[in-house]
N, C-alpha and C. Protein backbone atom coordinates (compact mmCIF):
# COMPACT_ATOMS: atom_id res chain seq x y z
N MET A 1 54.90 99.63 118.22
CA MET A 1 55.30 100.36 119.40
C MET A 1 56.65 99.82 119.83
N SER A 2 57.50 100.67 120.27
CA SER A 2 58.79 100.24 120.77
C SER A 2 58.93 100.70 122.20
N ALA A 3 59.83 100.09 122.87
CA ALA A 3 60.13 100.50 124.23
C ALA A 3 61.63 100.63 124.34
N SER A 4 62.05 101.62 125.05
CA SER A 4 63.49 101.78 125.21
C SER A 4 63.78 102.48 126.52
N VAL A 5 65.00 102.37 126.92
CA VAL A 5 65.47 103.09 128.08
C VAL A 5 66.55 104.02 127.58
N ASP A 6 66.47 105.27 127.93
CA ASP A 6 67.50 106.22 127.53
C ASP A 6 67.98 106.92 128.78
N ASP A 7 69.20 106.58 129.16
CA ASP A 7 69.73 107.16 130.39
C ASP A 7 70.53 108.44 130.12
N GLY A 8 70.41 108.97 128.91
CA GLY A 8 71.10 110.21 128.59
C GLY A 8 72.48 110.02 128.02
N HIS A 9 72.99 108.80 128.04
CA HIS A 9 74.31 108.53 127.49
C HIS A 9 74.17 108.21 126.01
N SER A 10 74.76 109.02 125.17
CA SER A 10 74.69 108.73 123.74
C SER A 10 76.09 108.53 123.18
N SER A 11 76.96 107.94 123.99
CA SER A 11 78.34 107.74 123.57
C SER A 11 78.44 106.78 122.40
N TRP A 12 77.48 105.93 122.24
CA TRP A 12 77.52 104.99 121.13
C TRP A 12 77.10 105.67 119.84
N GLY A 13 76.40 106.77 119.93
CA GLY A 13 75.92 107.44 118.74
C GLY A 13 74.76 106.71 118.09
N ALA A 14 74.17 105.78 118.80
CA ALA A 14 73.05 105.01 118.27
C ALA A 14 71.82 105.31 119.11
N GLU A 15 70.67 105.24 118.46
CA GLU A 15 69.43 105.46 119.17
C GLU A 15 69.16 104.28 120.11
N PHE A 16 69.49 103.08 119.63
CA PHE A 16 69.31 101.87 120.43
C PHE A 16 70.64 101.13 120.47
N GLU A 17 70.88 100.47 121.58
CA GLU A 17 72.07 99.63 121.66
C GLU A 17 71.76 98.23 121.16
N VAL A 18 70.55 97.75 121.44
CA VAL A 18 70.17 96.39 121.10
C VAL A 18 68.83 96.37 120.36
N PHE A 19 68.77 95.56 119.29
CA PHE A 19 67.54 95.33 118.55
C PHE A 19 67.17 93.86 118.71
N LEU A 20 65.99 93.60 119.26
CA LEU A 20 65.51 92.23 119.41
C LEU A 20 64.64 91.86 118.23
N SER A 21 64.94 90.74 117.59
CA SER A 21 64.12 90.21 116.50
C SER A 21 63.63 88.83 116.93
N PHE A 22 62.32 88.65 116.96
CA PHE A 22 61.77 87.40 117.47
C PHE A 22 60.37 87.18 116.92
N ARG A 23 59.93 85.95 116.94
CA ARG A 23 58.56 85.59 116.55
C ARG A 23 57.72 85.65 117.81
N GLY A 24 56.86 86.65 117.87
CA GLY A 24 56.08 86.93 119.08
C GLY A 24 55.41 85.73 119.71
N PRO A 25 54.60 84.98 118.96
CA PRO A 25 53.89 83.86 119.58
C PRO A 25 54.82 82.80 120.18
N ASP A 26 56.04 82.70 119.68
CA ASP A 26 56.98 81.69 120.17
C ASP A 26 57.62 82.08 121.50
N THR A 27 58.03 83.35 121.63
CA THR A 27 58.87 83.70 122.78
C THR A 27 58.49 85.00 123.50
N ARG A 28 57.53 85.75 122.98
CA ARG A 28 57.25 87.07 123.57
C ARG A 28 56.95 87.00 125.06
N ARG A 29 56.09 86.11 125.46
CA ARG A 29 55.65 86.06 126.86
C ARG A 29 56.57 85.22 127.75
N SER A 30 57.68 84.79 127.21
CA SER A 30 58.59 83.98 128.02
C SER A 30 60.01 84.53 127.89
N PHE A 31 60.83 83.87 127.13
CA PHE A 31 62.25 84.22 127.05
C PHE A 31 62.48 85.67 126.64
N THR A 32 61.82 86.12 125.58
CA THR A 32 62.07 87.48 125.08
C THR A 32 61.71 88.54 126.11
N ASP A 33 60.57 88.38 126.79
CA ASP A 33 60.19 89.32 127.84
C ASP A 33 61.26 89.36 128.94
N ASN A 34 61.71 88.21 129.36
CA ASN A 34 62.73 88.15 130.42
C ASN A 34 64.03 88.81 129.96
N LEU A 35 64.46 88.51 128.75
CA LEU A 35 65.69 89.11 128.21
C LEU A 35 65.53 90.63 128.11
N TYR A 36 64.42 91.07 127.54
CA TYR A 36 64.17 92.49 127.38
C TYR A 36 64.24 93.23 128.72
N HIS A 37 63.51 92.73 129.71
CA HIS A 37 63.47 93.41 131.01
C HIS A 37 64.83 93.38 131.71
N SER A 38 65.58 92.31 131.52
CA SER A 38 66.93 92.25 132.10
C SER A 38 67.84 93.30 131.47
N LEU A 39 67.78 93.44 130.17
CA LEU A 39 68.60 94.44 129.47
C LEU A 39 68.21 95.86 129.89
N VAL A 40 66.91 96.11 129.97
CA VAL A 40 66.44 97.44 130.37
C VAL A 40 66.88 97.76 131.80
N ARG A 41 66.76 96.78 132.70
CA ARG A 41 67.21 97.00 134.09
C ARG A 41 68.70 97.31 134.15
N ALA A 42 69.46 96.79 133.18
CA ALA A 42 70.90 97.05 133.14
C ALA A 42 71.21 98.40 132.49
N GLY A 43 70.17 99.14 132.10
CA GLY A 43 70.37 100.46 131.52
C GLY A 43 70.66 100.46 130.03
N ILE A 44 70.35 99.37 129.37
CA ILE A 44 70.61 99.24 127.93
C ILE A 44 69.37 99.68 127.15
N ARG A 45 69.59 100.49 126.13
CA ARG A 45 68.49 100.95 125.27
C ARG A 45 68.15 99.83 124.29
N VAL A 46 66.93 99.32 124.39
CA VAL A 46 66.51 98.15 123.62
C VAL A 46 65.30 98.49 122.77
N PHE A 47 65.34 98.04 121.50
CA PHE A 47 64.16 98.14 120.65
C PHE A 47 63.51 96.77 120.61
N ARG A 48 62.23 96.75 120.96
CA ARG A 48 61.43 95.54 120.88
C ARG A 48 60.16 95.92 120.14
N ASP A 49 59.96 95.31 119.01
CA ASP A 49 58.83 95.65 118.15
C ASP A 49 57.53 95.08 118.71
N ASN A 50 56.47 95.82 118.48
CA ASN A 50 55.13 95.34 118.81
C ASN A 50 54.49 94.90 117.51
N GLU A 51 54.48 93.61 117.25
CA GLU A 51 54.00 93.08 115.98
C GLU A 51 52.54 93.41 115.71
N GLU A 52 51.76 93.58 116.76
CA GLU A 52 50.33 93.78 116.57
C GLU A 52 49.99 95.09 115.84
N ILE A 53 50.88 96.06 115.83
CA ILE A 53 50.54 97.34 115.21
C ILE A 53 51.00 97.44 113.76
N ARG A 54 51.57 96.37 113.21
CA ARG A 54 52.06 96.42 111.83
C ARG A 54 50.92 96.54 110.85
N GLN A 55 51.15 97.33 109.82
CA GLN A 55 50.16 97.52 108.77
C GLN A 55 50.85 97.29 107.43
N GLY A 56 50.12 96.76 106.46
CA GLY A 56 50.69 96.58 105.13
C GLY A 56 51.74 95.50 105.10
N GLU A 57 52.45 95.42 103.97
CA GLU A 57 53.43 94.36 103.80
C GLU A 57 54.86 94.85 103.76
N LYS A 58 55.08 96.13 103.57
CA LYS A 58 56.45 96.64 103.52
C LYS A 58 56.95 96.87 104.94
N ILE A 59 58.21 96.58 105.13
CA ILE A 59 58.81 96.81 106.43
C ILE A 59 58.76 98.31 106.71
N GLY A 60 58.29 98.69 107.87
CA GLY A 60 58.05 100.09 108.17
C GLY A 60 59.31 100.90 108.35
N ASP A 61 59.20 102.19 108.07
CA ASP A 61 60.33 103.10 108.23
C ASP A 61 60.87 103.11 109.65
N GLU A 62 59.95 103.05 110.63
CA GLU A 62 60.38 103.07 112.03
C GLU A 62 61.24 101.84 112.33
N LEU A 63 60.83 100.70 111.80
CA LEU A 63 61.56 99.47 112.02
C LEU A 63 62.93 99.51 111.34
N LEU A 64 62.96 99.98 110.11
CA LEU A 64 64.24 100.11 109.39
C LEU A 64 65.19 101.05 110.14
N HIS A 65 64.65 102.15 110.63
CA HIS A 65 65.46 103.11 111.38
C HIS A 65 65.99 102.48 112.67
N ALA A 66 65.14 101.72 113.36
CA ALA A 66 65.56 101.10 114.61
C ALA A 66 66.68 100.09 114.36
N ILE A 67 66.59 99.34 113.27
CA ILE A 67 67.64 98.38 112.94
C ILE A 67 68.92 99.12 112.59
N LYS A 68 68.79 100.11 111.72
CA LYS A 68 69.97 100.86 111.28
C LYS A 68 70.66 101.57 112.44
N SER A 69 69.89 102.05 113.41
CA SER A 69 70.46 102.83 114.50
C SER A 69 70.91 101.97 115.69
N SER A 70 70.72 100.67 115.61
CA SER A 70 71.15 99.78 116.69
C SER A 70 72.57 99.29 116.46
N LYS A 71 73.22 98.90 117.53
CA LYS A 71 74.59 98.41 117.44
C LYS A 71 74.67 96.89 117.52
N ILE A 72 73.80 96.30 118.33
CA ILE A 72 73.82 94.85 118.52
C ILE A 72 72.46 94.30 118.12
N TYR A 73 72.49 93.27 117.30
CA TYR A 73 71.26 92.61 116.86
C TYR A 73 71.16 91.25 117.53
N LEU A 74 70.02 90.99 118.14
CA LEU A 74 69.78 89.70 118.79
C LEU A 74 68.60 89.01 118.10
N PRO A 75 68.85 88.27 117.02
CA PRO A 75 67.76 87.48 116.44
C PRO A 75 67.55 86.24 117.31
N ILE A 76 66.32 86.04 117.74
CA ILE A 76 65.99 84.89 118.57
C ILE A 76 65.30 83.88 117.66
N PHE A 77 66.09 82.94 117.16
CA PHE A 77 65.56 81.93 116.25
C PHE A 77 64.77 80.90 117.04
N SER A 78 63.49 80.81 116.75
CA SER A 78 62.61 79.86 117.41
C SER A 78 62.00 78.96 116.34
N ARG A 79 61.16 78.05 116.73
CA ARG A 79 60.63 77.06 115.78
C ARG A 79 59.89 77.71 114.61
N ASP A 80 59.15 78.79 114.86
CA ASP A 80 58.37 79.41 113.79
C ASP A 80 58.94 80.74 113.29
N TYR A 81 60.17 81.05 113.63
CA TYR A 81 60.79 82.32 113.20
C TYR A 81 60.70 82.49 111.69
N ALA A 82 61.03 81.45 110.94
CA ALA A 82 61.06 81.56 109.47
C ALA A 82 59.67 81.61 108.85
N SER A 83 58.64 81.35 109.63
CA SER A 83 57.28 81.47 109.09
C SER A 83 56.83 82.94 109.07
N SER A 84 57.58 83.80 109.74
CA SER A 84 57.25 85.22 109.80
C SER A 84 58.01 86.02 108.75
N VAL A 85 57.28 86.57 107.81
CA VAL A 85 57.89 87.43 106.78
C VAL A 85 58.59 88.61 107.45
N TRP A 86 57.98 89.15 108.51
CA TRP A 86 58.58 90.29 109.20
C TRP A 86 59.93 89.92 109.80
N CYS A 87 60.01 88.76 110.45
CA CYS A 87 61.30 88.33 111.02
C CYS A 87 62.35 88.19 109.94
N LEU A 88 61.98 87.61 108.81
CA LEU A 88 62.94 87.41 107.72
C LEU A 88 63.39 88.75 107.14
N ARG A 89 62.48 89.69 107.03
CA ARG A 89 62.85 91.03 106.53
C ARG A 89 63.77 91.73 107.51
N GLU A 90 63.45 91.62 108.80
CA GLU A 90 64.32 92.23 109.81
C GLU A 90 65.72 91.63 109.74
N LEU A 91 65.78 90.31 109.67
CA LEU A 91 67.08 89.63 109.64
C LEU A 91 67.89 90.06 108.43
N THR A 92 67.26 90.13 107.28
CA THR A 92 67.95 90.54 106.06
C THR A 92 68.51 91.95 106.22
N HIS A 93 67.73 92.84 106.81
CA HIS A 93 68.19 94.21 107.01
C HIS A 93 69.33 94.27 108.04
N MET A 94 69.28 93.42 109.06
CA MET A 94 70.37 93.36 110.03
C MET A 94 71.67 92.94 109.35
N VAL A 95 71.57 91.93 108.49
CA VAL A 95 72.76 91.44 107.78
C VAL A 95 73.32 92.54 106.89
N GLU A 96 72.44 93.25 106.17
CA GLU A 96 72.89 94.35 105.30
C GLU A 96 73.59 95.43 106.12
N CYS A 97 72.97 95.84 107.22
CA CYS A 97 73.55 96.91 108.04
C CYS A 97 74.88 96.49 108.66
N SER A 98 74.95 95.26 109.15
CA SER A 98 76.19 94.82 109.81
C SER A 98 77.32 94.61 108.81
N SER A 99 76.97 94.33 107.55
CA SER A 99 78.03 94.16 106.54
C SER A 99 78.61 95.50 106.11
N LYS A 100 77.86 96.58 106.32
CA LYS A 100 78.31 97.92 105.91
C LYS A 100 79.01 98.68 107.03
N ALA A 101 78.88 98.19 108.27
CA ALA A 101 79.45 98.93 109.40
C ALA A 101 80.16 97.97 110.34
N LYS A 102 81.40 98.26 110.63
CA LYS A 102 82.20 97.38 111.49
C LYS A 102 81.77 97.45 112.96
N ASP A 103 81.01 98.47 113.32
CA ASP A 103 80.62 98.63 114.72
C ASP A 103 79.28 97.98 115.04
N LYS A 104 78.75 97.16 114.14
CA LYS A 104 77.49 96.46 114.38
C LYS A 104 77.76 94.97 114.48
N MET A 105 77.00 94.30 115.35
CA MET A 105 77.25 92.90 115.62
C MET A 105 75.94 92.13 115.71
N ILE A 106 75.94 90.93 115.14
CA ILE A 106 74.79 90.03 115.25
C ILE A 106 75.16 88.91 116.20
N LEU A 107 74.35 88.73 117.23
CA LEU A 107 74.55 87.66 118.21
C LEU A 107 73.30 86.78 118.21
N PRO A 108 73.33 85.68 117.46
CA PRO A 108 72.12 84.85 117.37
C PRO A 108 71.86 84.03 118.63
N ILE A 109 70.58 83.84 118.89
CA ILE A 109 70.12 82.98 119.96
C ILE A 109 69.27 81.89 119.31
N PHE A 110 69.63 80.65 119.55
CA PHE A 110 68.90 79.51 118.98
C PHE A 110 68.01 78.94 120.08
N TYR A 111 66.74 79.36 120.05
CA TYR A 111 65.78 79.01 121.10
C TYR A 111 64.94 77.82 120.63
N ASP A 112 65.22 76.67 121.15
CA ASP A 112 64.50 75.45 120.81
C ASP A 112 64.68 75.05 119.35
N VAL A 113 65.74 75.53 118.72
CA VAL A 113 66.12 75.11 117.37
C VAL A 113 67.63 74.87 117.37
N ASP A 114 68.08 74.18 116.36
CA ASP A 114 69.49 73.89 116.19
C ASP A 114 70.03 74.81 115.10
N PRO A 115 71.30 75.21 115.16
CA PRO A 115 71.84 76.01 114.06
C PRO A 115 71.64 75.35 112.69
N ASP A 116 71.62 74.01 112.63
CA ASP A 116 71.37 73.34 111.35
C ASP A 116 69.98 73.65 110.80
N ASP A 117 68.99 73.88 111.67
CA ASP A 117 67.66 74.28 111.21
C ASP A 117 67.75 75.62 110.49
N VAL A 118 68.48 76.55 111.09
CA VAL A 118 68.60 77.90 110.54
C VAL A 118 69.50 77.91 109.30
N LYS A 119 70.45 76.99 109.24
CA LYS A 119 71.32 76.86 108.06
C LYS A 119 70.60 76.15 106.92
N LEU A 120 69.33 75.83 107.11
CA LEU A 120 68.47 75.20 106.11
C LEU A 120 68.91 73.78 105.77
N ARG A 121 69.42 73.09 106.77
CA ARG A 121 69.84 71.70 106.58
C ARG A 121 68.79 70.71 107.05
N THR A 122 67.68 71.22 107.59
CA THR A 122 66.57 70.38 108.04
C THR A 122 65.28 70.96 107.45
N PRO A 123 64.20 70.21 107.49
CA PRO A 123 62.94 70.72 106.92
C PRO A 123 62.31 71.89 107.68
N LEU A 124 62.67 72.09 108.94
CA LEU A 124 61.96 73.08 109.76
C LEU A 124 61.86 74.46 109.08
N TYR A 125 62.96 75.09 108.76
CA TYR A 125 62.94 76.41 108.13
C TYR A 125 62.73 76.30 106.62
N LEU A 126 63.22 75.23 106.02
CA LEU A 126 63.02 75.04 104.57
C LEU A 126 61.53 74.99 104.23
N ASP A 127 60.75 74.27 105.02
CA ASP A 127 59.31 74.17 104.77
C ASP A 127 58.63 75.54 104.91
N ALA A 128 59.05 76.30 105.90
CA ALA A 128 58.47 77.64 106.10
C ALA A 128 58.79 78.54 104.90
N LEU A 129 60.03 78.48 104.41
CA LEU A 129 60.42 79.30 103.26
C LEU A 129 59.68 78.87 102.00
N GLU A 130 59.45 77.59 101.86
CA GLU A 130 58.71 77.09 100.70
C GLU A 130 57.30 77.68 100.66
N LYS A 131 56.69 77.84 101.83
CA LYS A 131 55.34 78.41 101.91
C LYS A 131 55.33 79.89 101.50
N HIS A 132 56.46 80.56 101.60
CA HIS A 132 56.55 81.97 101.21
C HIS A 132 56.79 82.14 99.71
N GLU A 133 57.20 81.08 99.03
CA GLU A 133 57.62 81.16 97.62
C GLU A 133 56.59 81.84 96.72
N GLU A 134 55.34 81.45 96.81
CA GLU A 134 54.34 81.97 95.87
C GLU A 134 54.15 83.48 96.01
N LYS A 135 54.02 83.94 97.23
CA LYS A 135 53.74 85.36 97.45
C LYS A 135 54.99 86.25 97.47
N PHE A 136 56.10 85.70 97.95
CA PHE A 136 57.31 86.50 98.15
C PHE A 136 58.52 85.89 97.45
N GLY A 137 58.30 85.23 96.33
CA GLY A 137 59.32 84.46 95.64
C GLY A 137 60.65 85.17 95.43
N ARG A 138 60.60 86.42 95.01
CA ARG A 138 61.88 87.09 94.72
C ARG A 138 62.65 87.47 95.98
N ASP A 139 61.98 87.48 97.14
CA ASP A 139 62.65 87.80 98.40
C ASP A 139 63.28 86.57 99.06
N VAL A 140 62.76 85.40 98.72
CA VAL A 140 63.18 84.17 99.41
C VAL A 140 64.68 83.90 99.31
N PRO A 141 65.32 84.06 98.14
CA PRO A 141 66.78 83.80 98.09
C PRO A 141 67.58 84.67 99.07
N GLN A 142 67.23 85.95 99.20
CA GLN A 142 67.98 86.79 100.15
C GLN A 142 67.67 86.40 101.59
N TRP A 143 66.46 85.92 101.86
CA TRP A 143 66.14 85.45 103.21
C TRP A 143 66.96 84.20 103.53
N LYS A 144 67.06 83.29 102.56
CA LYS A 144 67.87 82.08 102.76
C LYS A 144 69.33 82.44 103.03
N GLU A 145 69.83 83.37 102.27
CA GLU A 145 71.22 83.81 102.43
C GLU A 145 71.44 84.41 103.82
N ALA A 146 70.51 85.26 104.26
CA ALA A 146 70.63 85.89 105.58
C ALA A 146 70.57 84.83 106.68
N LEU A 147 69.65 83.90 106.58
CA LEU A 147 69.54 82.85 107.60
C LEU A 147 70.82 82.04 107.70
N THR A 148 71.32 81.58 106.56
CA THR A 148 72.51 80.73 106.59
C THR A 148 73.74 81.51 107.06
N GLU A 149 73.83 82.78 106.68
CA GLU A 149 74.97 83.59 107.11
C GLU A 149 74.98 83.79 108.62
N VAL A 150 73.82 84.13 109.18
CA VAL A 150 73.75 84.38 110.61
C VAL A 150 73.91 83.08 111.40
N ALA A 151 73.41 81.99 110.86
CA ALA A 151 73.52 80.70 111.56
C ALA A 151 74.97 80.23 111.67
N ARG A 152 75.85 80.78 110.84
CA ARG A 152 77.28 80.43 110.92
C ARG A 152 77.98 81.14 112.08
N ILE A 153 77.33 82.14 112.64
CA ILE A 153 77.89 82.87 113.78
C ILE A 153 77.64 82.05 115.04
N ARG A 154 78.66 81.90 115.83
CA ARG A 154 78.48 81.15 117.07
C ARG A 154 77.54 81.93 117.97
N GLY A 155 76.48 81.28 118.36
CA GLY A 155 75.47 81.95 119.18
C GLY A 155 75.17 81.16 120.44
N LEU A 156 74.12 81.56 121.10
CA LEU A 156 73.69 80.93 122.33
C LEU A 156 72.57 79.95 122.01
N GLY A 157 72.72 78.70 122.45
CA GLY A 157 71.68 77.70 122.24
C GLY A 157 70.90 77.51 123.52
N LEU A 158 69.58 77.62 123.42
CA LEU A 158 68.70 77.43 124.58
C LEU A 158 67.59 76.46 124.23
N LYS A 159 67.29 75.57 125.13
CA LYS A 159 66.18 74.65 124.95
C LYS A 159 65.08 75.04 125.91
N ASP A 160 63.84 75.04 125.42
CA ASP A 160 62.68 75.37 126.26
C ASP A 160 62.51 74.27 127.30
N LYS A 161 62.44 74.68 128.53
CA LYS A 161 62.30 73.71 129.62
C LYS A 161 60.84 73.37 129.88
N GLY A 162 59.95 73.92 129.04
CA GLY A 162 58.59 73.50 129.10
C GLY A 162 57.65 74.38 129.77
């Protein structure tokens, strides 16, 4: 399920202005909810995925369309982001879309992680990717590439205040 605000302005030519990518159990009920509601109150059309309705293992057409039709991507890197195959697939698709279109932008948020974790310089994300090797081995190299590429973008660092 997605939620969006559409105020009738389609000057961007995109269905969504912002696509949020996040690991639900890490940030859904805290930071991501607050960010989402703030953006919506500002009149911004936001796609926020409902992870609970996902079926199967392939990234859904609706999700691919939402990523492709968004202009700004906000991956919220949290401690368990890389443990989610869905998050890694979303991120890879964001990188592909932004490399093909100059009007798309990725703005990473490092929530309780350091960019070095996402650049695979620490065990945090490396261990998560290692666990994916057996089942998703051929996808892991592109996930690593997407993580390290996005982590090179200057983003917003936030620490959980508890």
